[in-house]
Amino acid sequence: MDDTRLMDPAVLAYLESQRLGRLATVDRDGAPQNSPVGFWINHDLGTIEIGGWNLTKSRKFRNLAHNDRVAFVVDDIASVTPWRVRMVEIRGRGEQVIDVPVPRSGMDAALIRVHPARVIAYGIGD
């Protein structure tokens, strides 16, 4: 699957079964930076929401002020025998969102919203 439909049922089911992803951003000098992140899906907007403790002070959040291009990956190993991996990569635009209701205890009142431009999935729904 390679399209912009985040709301594909197989992709949604997989993402909702996972808790940890990795968000890649680009710093002011053009260098990539990758961070493990917790996430959830905003079904109304068709976006990935990323929150966290002290998020507004994080490098990933600050990077978005200079370059909003992001890649978000969730993957796992479904089985070892036979070897079977699953992966969703979402490329798009990251948005700094501030002054939001705190989604979970201990998180900032801010989040990173990933707007998909391209969704690549492998081993999902096979």
Protein backbone atom coordinates (compact mmCIF):
# COMPACT_ATOMS: atom_id res chain seq x y z
CA MET A 1 0.00 0.00 0.00
CA ASP A 2 1.42 3.37 -0.97
CA ASP A 3 -1.05 6.22 -0.84
CA THR A 4 -2.22 9.08 1.32
CA ARG A 5 -5.13 7.33 3.01
CA LEU A 6 -4.19 7.14 6.67
CA MET A 7 -7.70 5.94 7.35
CA ASP A 8 -7.22 2.66 5.47
CA PRO A 9 -8.76 0.11 7.90
CA ALA A 10 -5.72 -2.21 7.90
CA VAL A 11 -3.30 0.65 8.56
CA LEU A 12 -5.54 2.04 11.29
CA ALA A 13 -5.89 -1.33 12.99
CA TYR A 14 -2.13 -1.82 12.97
CA LEU A 15 -1.34 1.67 14.27
CA GLU A 16 -3.94 1.35 17.01
CA SER A 17 -2.33 -1.91 18.14
CA GLN A 18 1.02 -0.18 18.69
CA ARG A 19 2.21 2.29 21.34
CA LEU A 20 5.62 3.42 20.17
CA GLY A 21 6.79 4.99 16.92
CA ARG A 22 9.76 7.01 15.72
CA LEU A 23 9.54 10.57 14.45
CA ALA A 24 12.25 11.91 12.16
CA THR A 25 12.64 15.67 11.85
CA VAL A 26 15.26 17.89 10.22
CA ASP A 27 17.28 20.44 12.19
CA ARG A 28 18.27 23.96 11.14
CA ASP A 29 21.44 22.67 9.44
CA GLY A 30 19.58 19.99 7.47
CA ALA A 31 20.69 17.09 9.67
CA PRO A 32 18.11 14.38 10.44
CA GLN A 33 17.09 13.68 14.01
CA ASN A 34 15.05 10.65 15.07
CA SER A 35 13.15 10.18 18.34
CA PRO A 36 11.02 7.42 19.85
CA VAL A 37 7.56 8.83 20.60
CA GLY A 38 4.19 7.86 21.95
CA PHE A 39 1.31 8.61 19.59
CA TRP A 40 -2.38 8.34 18.92
CA ILE A 41 -4.63 8.87 15.93
CA ASN A 42 -6.88 11.89 15.50
CA HIS A 43 -9.69 10.25 13.55
CA ASP A 44 -11.48 13.56 12.90
CA LEU A 45 -8.45 15.11 11.17
CA GLY A 46 -6.80 11.99 9.77
CA THR A 47 -3.55 12.87 11.54
CA ILE A 48 -1.07 11.32 13.94
CA GLU A 49 -0.79 13.17 17.26
CA ILE A 50 2.44 13.01 19.25
CA GLY A 51 2.65 14.26 22.79
CA GLY A 52 5.05 14.04 25.66
CA TRP A 53 6.57 15.44 28.78
CA ASN A 54 8.44 18.71 28.17
CA LEU A 55 7.59 18.41 24.46
CA THR A 56 7.93 22.12 23.68
CA LYS A 57 11.55 22.04 24.87
CA SER A 58 12.44 18.98 22.80
CA ARG A 59 14.63 19.12 19.72
CA LYS A 60 11.94 17.46 17.58
CA PHE A 61 9.45 20.19 18.49
CA ARG A 62 11.97 22.99 17.92
CA ASN A 63 13.05 21.50 14.58
CA LEU A 64 9.53 22.01 13.20
CA ALA A 65 9.92 25.78 13.51
CA HIS A 66 12.58 25.65 10.77
CA ASN A 67 11.52 22.68 8.66
CA ASP A 68 8.11 21.01 8.87
CA ARG A 69 9.00 17.89 6.84
CA VAL A 70 8.73 14.71 8.90
CA ALA A 71 8.69 10.96 8.62
CA PHE A 72 6.94 8.79 11.20
CA VAL A 73 7.56 5.03 11.39
CA VAL A 74 5.90 2.25 13.35
CA ASP A 75 7.19 -1.29 12.89
CA ASP A 76 7.45 -4.63 14.61
CA ILE A 77 8.21 -8.29 14.05
CA ALA A 78 4.94 -10.20 13.74
CA SER A 79 6.69 -13.58 13.83
CA VAL A 80 10.20 -14.95 13.81
CA THR A 81 9.35 -18.29 12.18
CA PRO A 82 8.49 -17.59 9.49
CA TRP A 83 10.19 -14.18 9.49
CA ARG A 84 7.45 -11.59 9.10
CA VAL A 85 7.84 -7.86 9.69
CA ARG A 86 5.21 -5.14 9.57
CA MET A 87 5.77 -1.45 8.95
CA VAL A 88 3.94 1.80 8.34
CA GLU A 89 5.86 4.89 7.27
CA ILE A 90 4.05 8.20 7.09
CA ARG A 91 5.75 11.07 5.31
CA GLY A 92 4.30 14.52 5.51
CA ARG A 93 4.21 17.77 7.38
CA GLY A 94 4.61 18.23 11.12
CA GLU A 95 2.74 20.99 12.90
CA GLN A 96 3.49 22.49 16.31
CA VAL A 97 0.21 22.72 18.22
CA ILE A 98 0.21 24.55 21.54
CA ASP A 99 -2.37 25.27 24.22
CA VAL A 100 -4.27 22.02 23.72
CA PRO A 101 -6.03 20.17 26.52
CA VAL A 102 -3.52 17.86 28.18
CA PRO A 103 -4.28 14.51 26.53
CA ARG A 104 -2.72 12.34 29.25
CA SER A 105 -1.39 12.93 32.74
CA GLY A 106 2.18 14.23 32.76
CA MET A 107 2.12 15.55 29.20
CA ASP A 108 2.57 19.11 28.01
CA ALA A 109 -0.38 21.14 26.73
CA ALA A 110 1.24 20.85 23.30
CA LEU A 111 1.57 18.24 20.61
CA ILE A 112 3.07 17.52 17.22
CA ARG A 113 0.44 16.85 14.57
CA VAL A 114 1.62 14.82 11.58
CA HIS A 115 -0.34 15.56 8.39
CA PRO A 116 0.21 12.60 6.03
CA ALA A 117 1.20 13.24 2.44
CA ARG A 118 2.26 9.65 1.76
CA VAL A 119 1.57 6.41 3.62
CA ILE A 120 3.73 3.36 2.91
CA ALA A 121 2.77 0.05 4.48
CA TYR A 122 4.41 -3.35 4.38
CA GLY A 123 3.12 -6.61 5.84
CA ILE A 124 -0.11 -4.96 6.96
CA GLY A 125 -3.32 -6.87 6.33
CA ASP A 126 -1.50 -9.64 4.45
